[in-house]
């Protein structure tokens, strides 16, 4: 392999072993959501004879790998959507946890081929399966609707120690807060 891993060279004196080695070459993209598009490939072969010079010309073969547009994840938030507590609870020094049951779930739907060797019922369609996936969120914004917070009496707070441990940053104003990083 060259340093950028864009050229792979295989040498051998047994055509069957070279053929088998070529069948195990794979394209790998480790990004969770790879950039779609064409990745061009070119296979060039050289045959060397006993005198160490090329003696047979083999035409190059060109092809490509098509990276399709990935399915976009569906991100959903679940938890309570209204919050009522007595005034005395809001006056405590710790405040009141606003989103105690919040759960952010990211799922992606993909097609799955039916199990088996394909000799079964040809009318069986590929089915859709949703699976939970993990990925990073760029930002979360909590916004106060209606009147702004009265900064002398109200604020949105978050445990800064926990944020710093996770590499998360926060900025706030009397309109809400923005959480980034992680």
N, C-alpha and C. Protein backbone atom coordinates (compact mmCIF):
# COMPACT_ATOMS: atom_id res chain seq x y z
N UNK A 1 0.84 -1.18 0.00
CA UNK A 1 0.00 0.00 0.00
C UNK A 1 0.89 1.24 0.00
N UNK A 2 0.44 2.24 -0.72
CA UNK A 2 1.14 3.51 -0.62
C UNK A 2 0.65 4.22 0.66
N UNK A 3 1.34 5.26 1.11
CA UNK A 3 0.97 5.91 2.38
C UNK A 3 -0.49 6.40 2.44
N UNK A 4 -1.03 6.88 1.34
CA UNK A 4 -2.41 7.38 1.36
C UNK A 4 -3.43 6.27 1.14
N UNK A 5 -2.97 5.05 1.01
CA UNK A 5 -3.80 3.86 0.82
C UNK A 5 -4.70 3.97 -0.40
N UNK A 6 -4.19 4.64 -1.45
CA UNK A 6 -4.96 4.75 -2.69
C UNK A 6 -4.43 3.81 -3.77
N UNK A 7 -3.28 3.16 -3.52
CA UNK A 7 -2.71 2.21 -4.47
C UNK A 7 -2.34 0.95 -3.72
N UNK A 8 -2.80 -0.18 -4.22
CA UNK A 8 -2.51 -1.48 -3.64
C UNK A 8 -1.78 -2.29 -4.71
N UNK A 9 -0.64 -2.86 -4.35
CA UNK A 9 0.11 -3.69 -5.28
C UNK A 9 0.14 -5.12 -4.76
N UNK A 10 -0.15 -6.07 -5.66
CA UNK A 10 -0.09 -7.49 -5.32
C UNK A 10 0.87 -8.14 -6.30
N UNK A 11 1.82 -8.90 -5.79
CA UNK A 11 2.76 -9.63 -6.63
C UNK A 11 2.68 -11.10 -6.31
N UNK A 12 2.86 -11.92 -7.30
CA UNK A 12 2.86 -13.36 -7.07
C UNK A 12 3.24 -14.11 -8.33
N UNK A 13 3.62 -15.37 -8.18
CA UNK A 13 3.99 -16.17 -9.34
C UNK A 13 2.95 -17.23 -9.66
N UNK A 14 1.83 -17.22 -8.92
CA UNK A 14 0.77 -18.18 -9.16
C UNK A 14 -0.51 -17.39 -9.45
N UNK A 15 -1.00 -17.51 -10.68
CA UNK A 15 -2.16 -16.71 -11.10
C UNK A 15 -3.40 -16.99 -10.26
N UNK A 16 -3.59 -18.24 -9.82
CA UNK A 16 -4.76 -18.57 -8.99
C UNK A 16 -4.68 -17.87 -7.63
N UNK A 17 -3.50 -17.81 -7.05
CA UNK A 17 -3.35 -17.16 -5.75
C UNK A 17 -3.54 -15.64 -5.87
N UNK A 18 -3.06 -15.06 -6.96
CA UNK A 18 -3.27 -13.62 -7.19
C UNK A 18 -4.76 -13.37 -7.39
N UNK A 19 -5.43 -14.25 -8.16
CA UNK A 19 -6.86 -14.14 -8.40
C UNK A 19 -7.64 -14.18 -7.08
N UNK A 20 -7.30 -15.13 -6.22
CA UNK A 20 -7.98 -15.25 -4.91
C UNK A 20 -7.70 -14.02 -4.05
N UNK A 21 -6.47 -13.51 -4.08
CA UNK A 21 -6.14 -12.31 -3.30
C UNK A 21 -6.97 -11.12 -3.79
N UNK A 22 -7.14 -10.99 -5.10
CA UNK A 22 -7.91 -9.87 -5.67
C UNK A 22 -9.38 -9.95 -5.22
N UNK A 23 -9.89 -11.15 -5.02
CA UNK A 23 -11.28 -11.32 -4.61
C UNK A 23 -11.53 -10.90 -3.16
N UNK A 24 -10.47 -10.67 -2.43
CA UNK A 24 -10.61 -10.28 -1.02
C UNK A 24 -10.33 -8.79 -0.79
N UNK A 25 -10.21 -8.03 -1.85
CA UNK A 25 -10.00 -6.58 -1.72
C UNK A 25 -11.36 -5.93 -1.46
N UNK A 26 -11.41 -5.05 -0.47
CA UNK A 26 -12.66 -4.40 -0.08
C UNK A 26 -12.49 -2.90 -0.06
N UNK A 27 -13.58 -2.19 -0.30
CA UNK A 27 -13.62 -0.75 -0.11
C UNK A 27 -14.25 -0.51 1.25
N UNK A 28 -13.62 0.30 2.07
CA UNK A 28 -14.12 0.58 3.41
C UNK A 28 -14.16 2.08 3.60
N UNK A 29 -15.28 2.58 4.11
CA UNK A 29 -15.40 3.98 4.47
C UNK A 29 -15.89 4.00 5.90
N UNK A 30 -15.05 4.45 6.81
CA UNK A 30 -15.36 4.36 8.24
C UNK A 30 -16.26 5.49 8.75
N UNK A 31 -16.58 6.45 7.91
CA UNK A 31 -17.46 7.53 8.35
C UNK A 31 -18.88 7.00 8.52
N UNK A 32 -19.57 7.46 9.54
CA UNK A 32 -20.93 6.99 9.79
C UNK A 32 -21.86 7.38 8.64
N UNK A 33 -21.68 8.56 8.10
CA UNK A 33 -22.47 9.01 6.97
C UNK A 33 -21.50 9.47 5.87
N UNK A 34 -21.00 8.51 5.06
CA UNK A 34 -20.01 8.86 4.04
C UNK A 34 -20.59 9.80 2.98
N UNK A 35 -19.72 10.61 2.41
CA UNK A 35 -20.12 11.49 1.33
C UNK A 35 -20.49 10.66 0.12
N UNK A 36 -21.71 10.83 -0.40
CA UNK A 36 -22.10 10.03 -1.56
C UNK A 36 -21.31 10.43 -2.80
N UNK A 37 -21.21 9.50 -3.74
CA UNK A 37 -20.52 9.79 -5.00
C UNK A 37 -19.79 8.57 -5.53
N UNK A 38 -19.08 8.79 -6.61
CA UNK A 38 -18.36 7.71 -7.31
C UNK A 38 -16.92 7.67 -6.83
N UNK A 39 -16.43 6.47 -6.54
CA UNK A 39 -15.01 6.24 -6.22
C UNK A 39 -14.46 5.39 -7.36
N UNK A 40 -13.64 5.99 -8.20
CA UNK A 40 -13.13 5.31 -9.39
C UNK A 40 -12.01 4.34 -9.03
N UNK A 41 -11.96 3.22 -9.75
CA UNK A 41 -10.93 2.19 -9.55
C UNK A 41 -10.28 1.88 -10.88
N UNK A 42 -9.02 1.51 -10.84
CA UNK A 42 -8.31 1.08 -12.04
C UNK A 42 -7.42 -0.10 -11.65
N UNK A 43 -7.54 -1.18 -12.41
CA UNK A 43 -6.70 -2.36 -12.17
C UNK A 43 -5.73 -2.46 -13.34
N UNK A 44 -4.45 -2.36 -13.03
CA UNK A 44 -3.40 -2.50 -14.04
C UNK A 44 -2.60 -3.75 -13.71
N UNK A 45 -2.35 -4.57 -14.70
CA UNK A 45 -1.61 -5.82 -14.49
C UNK A 45 -0.40 -5.86 -15.40
N UNK A 46 0.67 -6.45 -14.90
CA UNK A 46 1.90 -6.62 -15.66
C UNK A 46 2.37 -8.06 -15.50
N UNK A 47 2.72 -8.69 -16.61
CA UNK A 47 3.28 -10.04 -16.58
C UNK A 47 4.76 -9.93 -16.90
N UNK A 48 5.60 -10.49 -16.05
CA UNK A 48 7.04 -10.47 -16.28
C UNK A 48 7.48 -11.88 -16.68
N UNK A 49 8.30 -11.92 -17.69
CA UNK A 49 8.83 -13.22 -18.15
C UNK A 49 10.15 -13.50 -17.46
N UNK A 50 10.75 -14.60 -17.81
CA UNK A 50 11.99 -15.03 -17.15
C UNK A 50 13.11 -14.00 -17.26
N UNK A 51 13.08 -13.19 -18.31
CA UNK A 51 14.16 -12.21 -18.47
C UNK A 51 13.86 -10.90 -17.74
N UNK A 52 12.84 -10.92 -16.83
CA UNK A 52 12.48 -9.78 -15.98
C UNK A 52 11.89 -8.60 -16.74
N UNK A 53 11.56 -8.78 -18.00
CA UNK A 53 10.91 -7.71 -18.75
C UNK A 53 9.46 -8.09 -18.99
N UNK A 54 8.62 -7.08 -19.18
CA UNK A 54 7.22 -7.37 -19.49
C UNK A 54 7.15 -8.04 -20.85
N UNK A 55 6.47 -9.19 -20.93
CA UNK A 55 6.42 -9.91 -22.20
C UNK A 55 5.01 -10.02 -22.75
N UNK A 56 3.98 -9.79 -21.93
CA UNK A 56 2.59 -9.86 -22.37
C UNK A 56 1.91 -8.57 -21.93
N UNK A 57 1.15 -8.01 -22.84
CA UNK A 57 0.43 -6.77 -22.52
C UNK A 57 -0.99 -7.13 -22.06
N UNK A 58 -1.38 -6.61 -20.93
CA UNK A 58 -2.73 -6.84 -20.40
C UNK A 58 -3.41 -5.48 -20.29
N UNK A 59 -4.58 -5.32 -20.92
CA UNK A 59 -5.26 -4.02 -20.83
C UNK A 59 -5.73 -3.73 -19.40
N UNK A 60 -5.72 -2.46 -19.05
CA UNK A 60 -6.22 -2.04 -17.74
C UNK A 60 -7.74 -2.18 -17.70
N UNK A 61 -8.27 -2.35 -16.51
CA UNK A 61 -9.70 -2.42 -16.30
C UNK A 61 -10.09 -1.27 -15.38
N UNK A 62 -11.12 -0.55 -15.77
CA UNK A 62 -11.58 0.56 -14.93
C UNK A 62 -13.00 0.26 -14.45
N UNK A 63 -13.29 0.70 -13.25
CA UNK A 63 -14.61 0.53 -12.67
C UNK A 63 -14.82 1.57 -11.60
N UNK A 64 -15.85 1.39 -10.83
CA UNK A 64 -16.10 2.34 -9.75
C UNK A 64 -16.95 1.70 -8.66
N UNK A 65 -16.88 2.32 -7.50
CA UNK A 65 -17.76 1.99 -6.39
C UNK A 65 -18.67 3.20 -6.23
N UNK A 66 -19.97 2.95 -6.18
CA UNK A 66 -20.92 4.05 -6.01
C UNK A 66 -21.36 4.08 -4.55
N UNK A 67 -21.06 5.19 -3.88
CA UNK A 67 -21.53 5.38 -2.51
C UNK A 67 -22.85 6.13 -2.60
N UNK A 68 -23.92 5.46 -2.21
CA UNK A 68 -25.25 6.06 -2.31
C UNK A 68 -25.51 7.01 -1.15
N UNK A 69 -26.47 7.88 -1.35
CA UNK A 69 -26.88 8.81 -0.30
C UNK A 69 -27.36 8.00 0.90
N UNK A 70 -26.79 8.23 2.09
CA UNK A 70 -27.24 7.45 3.24
C UNK A 70 -28.63 7.88 3.67
N UNK A 71 -29.33 6.94 4.30
CA UNK A 71 -30.63 7.28 4.87
C UNK A 71 -30.40 8.27 6.00
N UNK A 72 -31.21 9.31 6.04
CA UNK A 72 -31.06 10.27 7.12
C UNK A 72 -31.68 9.70 8.39
N UNK A 73 -31.03 9.90 9.51
CA UNK A 73 -31.60 9.39 10.75
C UNK A 73 -32.84 10.18 11.16
N UNK A 74 -33.73 9.52 11.85
CA UNK A 74 -34.90 10.19 12.42
C UNK A 74 -34.58 10.39 13.90
N UNK A 75 -34.54 11.62 14.33
CA UNK A 75 -34.20 11.92 15.72
C UNK A 75 -35.48 12.33 16.43
N UNK A 76 -35.79 11.66 17.52
CA UNK A 76 -37.00 11.98 18.26
C UNK A 76 -36.66 12.22 19.73
N UNK A 77 -37.43 13.11 20.34
CA UNK A 77 -37.29 13.42 21.75
C UNK A 77 -38.55 12.93 22.45
N UNK A 78 -38.37 12.27 23.56
CA UNK A 78 -39.54 11.84 24.32
C UNK A 78 -39.37 12.28 25.77
N UNK A 79 -40.45 12.48 26.44
CA UNK A 79 -40.45 12.92 27.83
C UNK A 79 -41.71 13.72 28.07
N UNK A 80 -41.74 14.40 29.18
CA UNK A 80 -42.93 15.19 29.48
C UNK A 80 -42.86 16.50 28.70
N UNK A 81 -44.02 16.98 28.25
CA UNK A 81 -44.01 18.21 27.45
C UNK A 81 -44.70 19.37 28.17
N UNK A 82 -45.13 19.17 29.38
CA UNK A 82 -45.67 20.26 30.19
C UNK A 82 -45.19 20.05 31.62
N UNK A 83 -45.09 21.14 32.34
CA UNK A 83 -44.45 21.06 33.65
C UNK A 83 -45.15 22.00 34.61
N UNK A 84 -45.77 21.46 35.64
CA UNK A 84 -46.44 22.28 36.66
C UNK A 84 -45.98 21.82 38.03
N UNK A 85 -45.48 22.75 38.84
CA UNK A 85 -45.05 22.46 40.21
C UNK A 85 -45.45 23.65 41.07
N UNK A 86 -45.48 23.42 42.35
CA UNK A 86 -45.82 24.52 43.27
C UNK A 86 -44.70 25.56 43.24
N UNK A 87 -45.06 26.80 43.51
CA UNK A 87 -44.10 27.91 43.47
C UNK A 87 -42.94 27.67 44.41
N UNK A 88 -43.18 27.05 45.54
CA UNK A 88 -42.10 26.84 46.53
C UNK A 88 -41.01 25.91 45.97
N UNK A 89 -41.36 24.95 45.13
CA UNK A 89 -40.34 24.06 44.55
C UNK A 89 -39.39 24.82 43.63
N UNK A 90 -39.91 25.81 42.93
CA UNK A 90 -39.07 26.58 42.01
C UNK A 90 -38.12 27.51 42.76
N UNK A 91 -38.44 27.83 44.02
CA UNK A 91 -37.63 28.76 44.79
C UNK A 91 -36.45 28.10 45.48
N UNK A 92 -36.34 26.77 45.43
CA UNK A 92 -35.22 26.10 46.11
C UNK A 92 -33.91 26.44 45.41
N UNK A 93 -32.81 26.31 46.13
CA UNK A 93 -31.50 26.68 45.58
C UNK A 93 -31.10 25.78 44.40
N UNK A 94 -31.60 24.53 44.37
CA UNK A 94 -31.27 23.62 43.27
C UNK A 94 -32.17 23.84 42.06
N UNK A 95 -33.28 24.54 42.24
CA UNK A 95 -34.24 24.70 41.16
C UNK A 95 -35.00 23.41 40.96
N UNK A 96 -35.61 23.27 39.82
CA UNK A 96 -36.40 22.08 39.49
C UNK A 96 -35.89 21.54 38.17
N UNK A 97 -35.61 20.24 38.14
CA UNK A 97 -35.14 19.60 36.91
C UNK A 97 -36.26 19.64 35.88
N UNK A 98 -36.01 20.28 34.74
CA UNK A 98 -37.05 20.46 33.73
C UNK A 98 -37.28 19.23 32.86
N UNK A 99 -36.24 18.46 32.58
CA UNK A 99 -36.37 17.35 31.64
C UNK A 99 -35.92 16.03 32.28
N UNK A 100 -36.54 15.61 33.37
CA UNK A 100 -36.06 14.42 34.06
C UNK A 100 -36.22 13.13 33.26
N UNK A 101 -37.17 13.09 32.36
CA UNK A 101 -37.43 11.87 31.60
C UNK A 101 -37.06 12.01 30.14
N UNK A 102 -36.31 13.05 29.79
CA UNK A 102 -35.96 13.29 28.39
C UNK A 102 -35.12 12.14 27.85
N UNK A 103 -35.47 11.69 26.67
CA UNK A 103 -34.70 10.66 25.97
C UNK A 103 -34.62 11.07 24.51
N UNK A 104 -33.39 11.19 24.00
CA UNK A 104 -33.17 11.52 22.59
C UNK A 104 -32.80 10.22 21.89
N UNK A 105 -33.60 9.87 20.89
CA UNK A 105 -33.39 8.61 20.18
C UNK A 105 -33.17 8.90 18.71
N UNK A 106 -32.14 8.30 18.16
CA UNK A 106 -31.85 8.42 16.74
C UNK A 106 -32.01 7.05 16.11
N UNK A 107 -32.89 6.96 15.13
CA UNK A 107 -33.09 5.69 14.45
C UNK A 107 -32.88 5.88 12.96
N UNK A 108 -32.53 4.80 12.30
CA UNK A 108 -32.38 4.83 10.85
C UNK A 108 -33.13 3.63 10.30
N UNK A 109 -33.84 3.83 9.21
CA UNK A 109 -34.59 2.75 8.59
C UNK A 109 -33.82 2.28 7.38
N UNK A 110 -33.65 0.97 7.27
CA UNK A 110 -32.91 0.42 6.14
C UNK A 110 -33.62 -0.82 5.63
N UNK A 111 -33.34 -1.16 4.38
CA UNK A 111 -33.92 -2.36 3.79
C UNK A 111 -33.11 -3.56 4.21
N UNK A 112 -33.81 -4.67 4.45
CA UNK A 112 -33.15 -5.92 4.83
C UNK A 112 -33.61 -7.00 3.86
N UNK A 113 -32.64 -7.76 3.34
CA UNK A 113 -33.00 -8.86 2.45
C UNK A 113 -33.60 -9.99 3.28
N UNK A 114 -34.56 -10.72 2.69
CA UNK A 114 -35.15 -11.83 3.43
C UNK A 114 -34.12 -12.91 3.72
N UNK A 115 -34.31 -13.60 4.84
CA UNK A 115 -33.40 -14.69 5.22
C UNK A 115 -33.57 -15.85 4.25
N UNK A 116 -32.55 -16.68 4.13
CA UNK A 116 -32.65 -17.87 3.29
C UNK A 116 -31.78 -17.74 2.06
N UNK A 117 -31.88 -18.76 1.19
CA UNK A 117 -31.00 -18.78 0.02
C UNK A 117 -31.67 -18.23 -1.23
N UNK A 118 -32.87 -17.66 -1.10
CA UNK A 118 -33.52 -17.04 -2.23
C UNK A 118 -34.34 -18.01 -3.07
N UNK A 119 -34.34 -19.30 -2.75
CA UNK A 119 -35.11 -20.27 -3.52
C UNK A 119 -36.54 -20.36 -3.03
N UNK A 120 -36.84 -19.61 -1.97
CA UNK A 120 -38.18 -19.65 -1.43
C UNK A 120 -39.12 -18.81 -2.28
N UNK A 121 -40.20 -18.41 -1.71
CA UNK A 121 -41.24 -17.66 -2.41
C UNK A 121 -40.66 -16.40 -3.06
N UNK A 122 -40.72 -16.31 -4.40
CA UNK A 122 -40.15 -15.13 -5.08
C UNK A 122 -40.96 -13.87 -4.86
N UNK A 123 -42.15 -13.99 -4.26
CA UNK A 123 -42.96 -12.80 -4.02
C UNK A 123 -42.59 -12.10 -2.72
N UNK A 124 -41.69 -12.71 -1.94
CA UNK A 124 -41.28 -12.10 -0.67
C UNK A 124 -40.52 -10.82 -0.97
N UNK A 125 -41.00 -9.74 -0.43
CA UNK A 125 -40.36 -8.44 -0.65
C UNK A 125 -39.32 -8.19 0.43
N UNK A 126 -38.35 -7.33 0.10
CA UNK A 126 -37.41 -6.90 1.14
C UNK A 126 -38.20 -6.11 2.16
N UNK A 127 -37.85 -6.25 3.42
CA UNK A 127 -38.59 -5.55 4.46
C UNK A 127 -37.78 -4.39 5.01
N UNK A 128 -38.46 -3.47 5.66
CA UNK A 128 -37.80 -2.32 6.27
C UNK A 128 -37.63 -2.58 7.75
N UNK A 129 -36.46 -2.23 8.26
CA UNK A 129 -36.16 -2.42 9.67
C UNK A 129 -35.62 -1.11 10.21
N UNK A 130 -36.11 -0.71 11.38
CA UNK A 130 -35.58 0.48 12.04
C UNK A 130 -34.66 0.03 13.16
N UNK A 131 -33.51 0.67 13.25
CA UNK A 131 -32.59 0.33 14.34
C UNK A 131 -32.06 1.61 14.95
N UNK A 132 -31.82 1.55 16.24
CA UNK A 132 -31.29 2.70 16.95
C UNK A 132 -29.81 2.82 16.62
N UNK A 133 -29.35 4.04 16.34
CA UNK A 133 -27.95 4.26 16.03
C UNK A 133 -27.39 5.32 16.96
N UNK A 134 -26.09 5.28 17.14
CA UNK A 134 -25.42 6.28 17.95
C UNK A 134 -24.66 7.23 17.03
N UNK A 135 -24.83 8.50 17.23
CA UNK A 135 -23.99 9.48 16.55
C UNK A 135 -24.03 10.78 17.35
N UNK A 136 -23.18 11.68 16.97
CA UNK A 136 -23.05 12.93 17.72
C UNK A 136 -24.08 13.95 17.25
N UNK A 137 -24.64 14.68 18.20
CA UNK A 137 -25.48 15.82 17.87
C UNK A 137 -24.60 17.06 17.94
N UNK A 138 -24.78 17.96 16.98
CA UNK A 138 -23.95 19.17 16.93
C UNK A 138 -24.35 20.17 18.02
N UNK A 139 -25.65 20.27 18.26
CA UNK A 139 -26.11 21.34 19.14
C UNK A 139 -27.50 21.00 19.67
N UNK A 140 -27.80 21.49 20.85
CA UNK A 140 -29.14 21.40 21.43
C UNK A 140 -29.48 22.79 21.94
N UNK A 141 -30.64 23.27 21.57
CA UNK A 141 -31.05 24.62 21.97
C UNK A 141 -32.35 24.53 22.77
N UNK A 142 -32.36 25.14 23.94
CA UNK A 142 -33.56 25.24 24.77
C UNK A 142 -33.97 26.70 24.73
N UNK A 143 -35.15 26.97 24.19
CA UNK A 143 -35.60 28.35 23.99
C UNK A 143 -36.86 28.61 24.80
N UNK A 144 -36.89 29.77 25.43
CA UNK A 144 -38.07 30.21 26.18
C UNK A 144 -39.02 30.85 25.18
N UNK A 145 -40.25 30.36 25.14
CA UNK A 145 -41.25 30.93 24.24
C UNK A 145 -42.03 32.00 24.99
N UNK A 146 -42.46 33.01 24.27
CA UNK A 146 -43.21 34.09 24.92
C UNK A 146 -42.25 35.10 25.52
N UNK A 147 -42.53 35.51 26.75
CA UNK A 147 -41.70 36.53 27.40
C UNK A 147 -40.32 35.99 27.74
N UNK A 148 -39.33 36.87 27.69
CA UNK A 148 -37.97 36.50 28.08
C UNK A 148 -37.92 36.22 29.57
N UNK A 149 -36.89 35.49 30.00
CA UNK A 149 -36.69 35.25 31.43
C UNK A 149 -36.31 36.56 32.12
N UNK A 150 -36.85 36.78 33.29
CA UNK A 150 -36.47 37.93 34.10
C UNK A 150 -35.18 37.52 34.82
N UNK A 151 -34.05 38.06 34.40
CA UNK A 151 -32.75 37.60 34.91
C UNK A 151 -32.55 37.83 36.40
N UNK A 152 -33.30 38.72 37.00
CA UNK A 152 -33.18 38.93 38.44
C UNK A 152 -33.85 37.81 39.23
N UNK A 153 -34.81 37.11 38.59
CA UNK A 153 -35.58 36.10 39.31
C UNK A 153 -35.52 34.71 38.67
N UNK A 154 -35.24 34.63 37.36
CA UNK A 154 -35.34 33.36 36.65
C UNK A 154 -34.07 33.07 35.86
N UNK A 155 -33.76 31.80 35.73
CA UNK A 155 -32.65 31.40 34.86
C UNK A 155 -32.76 29.91 34.56
N UNK A 156 -32.13 29.50 33.49
CA UNK A 156 -31.97 28.09 33.18
C UNK A 156 -30.55 27.72 33.58
N UNK A 157 -30.40 26.70 34.38
CA UNK A 157 -29.08 26.30 34.89
C UNK A 157 -28.79 24.86 34.47
N UNK A 158 -27.50 24.54 34.44
CA UNK A 158 -27.08 23.18 34.12
C UNK A 158 -25.82 22.88 34.91
N UNK A 159 -25.61 21.63 35.27
CA UNK A 159 -24.43 21.24 36.06
C UNK A 159 -23.18 21.38 35.19
N UNK A 160 -22.42 22.43 35.41
CA UNK A 160 -21.24 22.74 34.58
C UNK A 160 -20.14 21.68 34.75
N UNK A 161 -20.02 21.09 35.92
CA UNK A 161 -18.99 20.07 36.14
C UNK A 161 -19.25 18.87 35.23
N UNK A 162 -20.49 18.43 35.15
CA UNK A 162 -20.83 17.30 34.28
C UNK A 162 -20.61 17.64 32.82
N UNK A 163 -20.93 18.88 32.44
CA UNK A 163 -20.71 19.29 31.05
C UNK A 163 -19.23 19.25 30.71
N UNK A 164 -18.40 19.81 31.59
CA UNK A 164 -16.96 19.85 31.33
C UNK A 164 -16.37 18.45 31.27
N UNK A 165 -16.85 17.52 32.08
CA UNK A 165 -16.35 16.15 32.04
C UNK A 165 -16.63 15.50 30.69
N UNK A 166 -17.69 15.89 30.04
CA UNK A 166 -18.06 15.31 28.75
C UNK A 166 -17.59 16.17 27.58
N UNK A 167 -16.87 17.24 27.85
CA UNK A 167 -16.37 18.11 26.78
C UNK A 167 -17.46 18.92 26.11
N UNK A 168 -18.50 19.24 26.87
CA UNK A 168 -19.63 19.99 26.32
C UNK A 168 -19.56 21.43 26.80
N UNK A 169 -19.95 22.36 25.93
CA UNK A 169 -19.96 23.77 26.28
C UNK A 169 -21.39 24.29 26.27
N UNK A 170 -21.62 25.36 27.02
CA UNK A 170 -22.96 25.92 27.12
C UNK A 170 -22.88 27.43 27.10
N UNK A 171 -23.82 28.05 26.44
CA UNK A 171 -23.97 29.50 26.52
C UNK A 171 -25.44 29.77 26.79
N UNK A 172 -25.71 30.83 27.56
CA UNK A 172 -27.11 31.12 27.90
C UNK A 172 -27.38 32.61 27.85
N UNK A 173 -28.65 32.91 27.77
CA UNK A 173 -29.12 34.29 27.79
C UNK A 173 -30.52 34.28 28.42
N UNK A 174 -31.18 35.42 28.39
CA UNK A 174 -32.54 35.46 28.94
C UNK A 174 -33.55 34.88 27.95
N UNK A 175 -33.07 34.35 26.82
CA UNK A 175 -33.94 33.70 25.83
C UNK A 175 -33.83 32.17 25.90
N UNK A 176 -32.81 31.67 26.60
CA UNK A 176 -32.63 30.22 26.69
C UNK A 176 -31.16 29.84 26.76
N UNK A 177 -30.85 28.61 26.31
CA UNK A 177 -29.45 28.17 26.35
C UNK A 177 -29.15 27.31 25.13
N UNK A 178 -27.86 27.28 24.78
CA UNK A 178 -27.38 26.47 23.67
C UNK A 178 -26.27 25.58 24.21
N UNK A 179 -26.39 24.27 23.95
CA UNK A 179 -25.39 23.28 24.40
C UNK A 179 -24.72 22.73 23.15
N UNK A 180 -23.37 22.76 23.12
CA UNK A 180 -22.63 22.28 21.94
C UNK A 180 -21.48 21.38 22.40
N UNK A 181 -20.98 20.59 21.46
CA UNK A 181 -19.80 19.76 21.71
C UNK A 181 -20.18 18.37 22.14
N UNK A 182 -19.16 17.63 22.61
CA UNK A 182 -19.41 16.28 23.09
C UNK A 182 -19.11 15.30 22.04
